[in-house]
Protein backbone atom coordinates (compact mmCIF):
# COMPACT_ATOMS: atom_id res chain seq x y z
CA MET A 1 233.04 -0.83 16.35
CA THR A 2 229.31 -0.13 16.16
CA ALA A 3 227.53 -1.88 13.30
CA GLY A 4 227.54 0.23 10.13
CA LEU A 5 230.17 2.70 11.33
CA ASN A 6 233.05 1.57 9.14
CA ILE A 7 235.58 4.43 9.31
CA ARG A 8 237.38 6.60 11.85
CA THR A 9 237.56 10.35 11.36
CA ASN A 10 239.27 13.36 12.91
CA ILE A 11 237.30 16.56 13.42
CA TRP A 12 239.19 19.85 13.14
CA ARG A 13 237.99 23.23 14.44
CA MET A 14 238.91 25.91 11.92
CA SER A 15 239.67 29.41 13.17
CA ASN A 16 241.29 32.59 11.90
CA ASN A 17 244.65 33.62 13.30
CA PRO A 18 245.34 37.33 13.65
CA ASP A 19 246.55 39.01 10.48
CA ASP A 20 250.24 38.62 9.72
CA VAL A 21 252.61 41.57 9.17
CA VAL A 22 251.40 42.22 5.64
CA GLY A 23 247.70 42.01 6.55
CA GLY A 24 246.95 38.49 5.30
CA ALA A 25 244.64 36.34 7.39
CA GLN A 26 245.83 32.82 8.16
CA ILE A 27 243.27 30.04 8.60
CA THR A 28 244.42 27.39 11.02
CA GLY A 29 242.87 24.38 12.63
CA SER A 30 243.11 22.50 15.90
CA LEU A 31 242.17 18.87 16.41
CA GLN A 32 238.90 18.66 18.37
CA TYR A 33 238.11 14.94 18.22
CA GLN A 34 240.26 12.03 17.08
CA ASP A 35 239.25 8.56 15.83
CA VAL A 36 235.50 9.25 15.84
CA MET A 37 233.49 6.21 14.72
CA SER A 38 231.69 7.30 11.53
CA ARG A 39 230.07 6.38 8.26
CA ILE A 40 230.19 8.64 5.19
CA GLN A 41 228.04 8.42 2.09
CA ALA A 42 228.14 10.56 -1.06
CA ASN A 43 224.93 12.24 -2.16
CA PRO A 44 224.06 12.00 -5.86
CA GLU A 45 224.98 15.02 -8.00
CA GLU A 46 222.83 16.55 -10.68
CA GLN A 47 224.20 15.94 -14.17
CA VAL A 48 223.70 19.58 -15.24
CA ILE A 49 225.97 20.80 -12.44
CA LEU A 50 228.66 18.27 -13.35
CA GLN A 51 228.67 19.35 -17.01
CA GLN A 52 228.76 23.10 -16.63
CA GLY A 53 231.76 24.14 -14.56
CA LEU A 54 235.37 23.61 -13.72
CA GLU A 55 234.67 23.11 -10.06
CA THR A 56 231.73 21.31 -8.49
CA GLU A 57 230.47 21.18 -4.95
CA ARG A 58 229.97 17.57 -3.92
CA THR A 59 227.83 16.81 -0.87
CA TYR A 60 228.04 13.96 1.61
CA THR A 61 226.13 12.73 4.64
CA MET A 62 228.04 11.45 7.65
CA THR A 63 226.75 9.67 10.73
CA CYS A 64 228.99 9.58 13.80
CA VAL A 65 228.89 8.69 17.49
CA PRO A 66 228.78 9.84 20.21
CA GLY A 67 226.05 12.42 19.71
CA THR A 68 227.32 14.62 22.54
CA MET A 69 230.26 16.13 20.64
CA ASP A 70 230.46 19.90 20.14
CA VAL A 71 230.63 19.98 16.34
CA ARG A 72 229.95 23.21 14.42
CA GLU A 73 229.52 24.43 10.89
CA ARG A 74 232.88 25.31 9.26
CA ASP A 75 234.64 22.52 11.17
CA GLU A 76 236.38 20.00 8.94
CA VAL A 77 236.30 16.21 8.89
CA GLU A 78 239.28 14.12 7.82
CA VAL A 79 239.07 10.37 7.18
CA SER A 80 241.88 8.76 9.20
CA LYS A 81 241.18 5.01 9.11
CA PRO A 82 241.22 2.61 7.33
CA THR A 83 244.13 3.62 5.14
CA ASP A 84 242.66 1.86 2.10
CA HIS A 85 239.37 3.79 2.23
CA VAL A 86 238.45 5.74 -0.90
CA TYR A 87 238.31 9.02 1.10
CA TYR A 88 241.40 8.38 3.25
CA GLY A 89 243.25 11.62 4.04
CA LEU A 90 240.66 13.86 2.39
CA ARG A 91 239.01 16.75 4.22
CA PHE A 92 235.36 17.71 4.08
CA ARG A 93 233.74 20.91 5.38
CA ILE A 94 230.77 20.60 7.72
CA VAL A 95 227.82 22.71 6.53
CA GLY A 96 225.06 21.22 8.67
CA VAL A 97 224.76 19.52 12.06
CA ARG A 98 221.70 17.56 13.20
CA TYR A 99 221.45 15.93 16.59
CA ALA A 100 219.44 12.74 17.05
CA ASP A 101 216.36 12.93 19.26
CA HIS A 102 217.73 10.37 21.74
CA ASN A 103 218.47 11.30 25.32
CA PRO A 104 222.06 12.68 25.47
CA ARG A 105 223.00 9.93 27.94
CA ASP A 106 221.62 7.20 25.67
CA PRO A 107 224.49 5.17 24.15
CA ARG A 108 222.58 5.06 20.85
CA ASN A 109 222.86 8.84 20.49
CA TYR A 110 224.46 10.01 17.22
CA LEU A 111 225.07 13.03 14.97
CA ILE A 112 224.18 13.49 11.31
CA LEU A 113 226.54 15.87 9.51
CA GLN A 114 226.11 17.40 6.07
CA LEU A 115 229.50 17.77 4.38
CA THR A 116 230.78 19.41 1.21
CA ARG A 117 233.96 19.11 -0.81
CA SER A 118 234.98 21.18 -3.81
CA VAL A 119 236.49 19.15 -6.63
CA ARG A 120 237.55 19.93 -10.16
CA ALA A 121 235.05 18.71 -12.71
CA HIS A 122 236.21 16.52 -15.61
CA ASN A 123 239.32 15.51 -13.65
CA ASN A 124 240.86 12.07 -13.80
CA LEU A 125 242.79 12.52 -10.56
CA ARG A 126 241.66 11.35 -7.13
CA GLN A 127 238.79 13.45 -5.83
């Protein structure tokens, strides 16, 4: 595993299925990439936002390799390994994709993803 990349993640492509018989849209996902070497870090929240609502939007920054993956906004990231990681099994929505300025064939090439996750404020359960 590359130094600093301490987790493995799955990347899901979210898409809308056709409406069902009663007109409801179904959101479904297909696995795009599995066991991607990654590192995820939570961004600090502002205290005012944490105090005011029932639901807060938490943001995270994730670095992953290789940098040649086709990752898009609205895709979702799920932490798959290790099983004792604090974010194991949780899903995050990708809201921003930045590619490194390395040559695409360079093995040091990587992606920086901006992620969000909605959580209930003032909750004692796992977030």
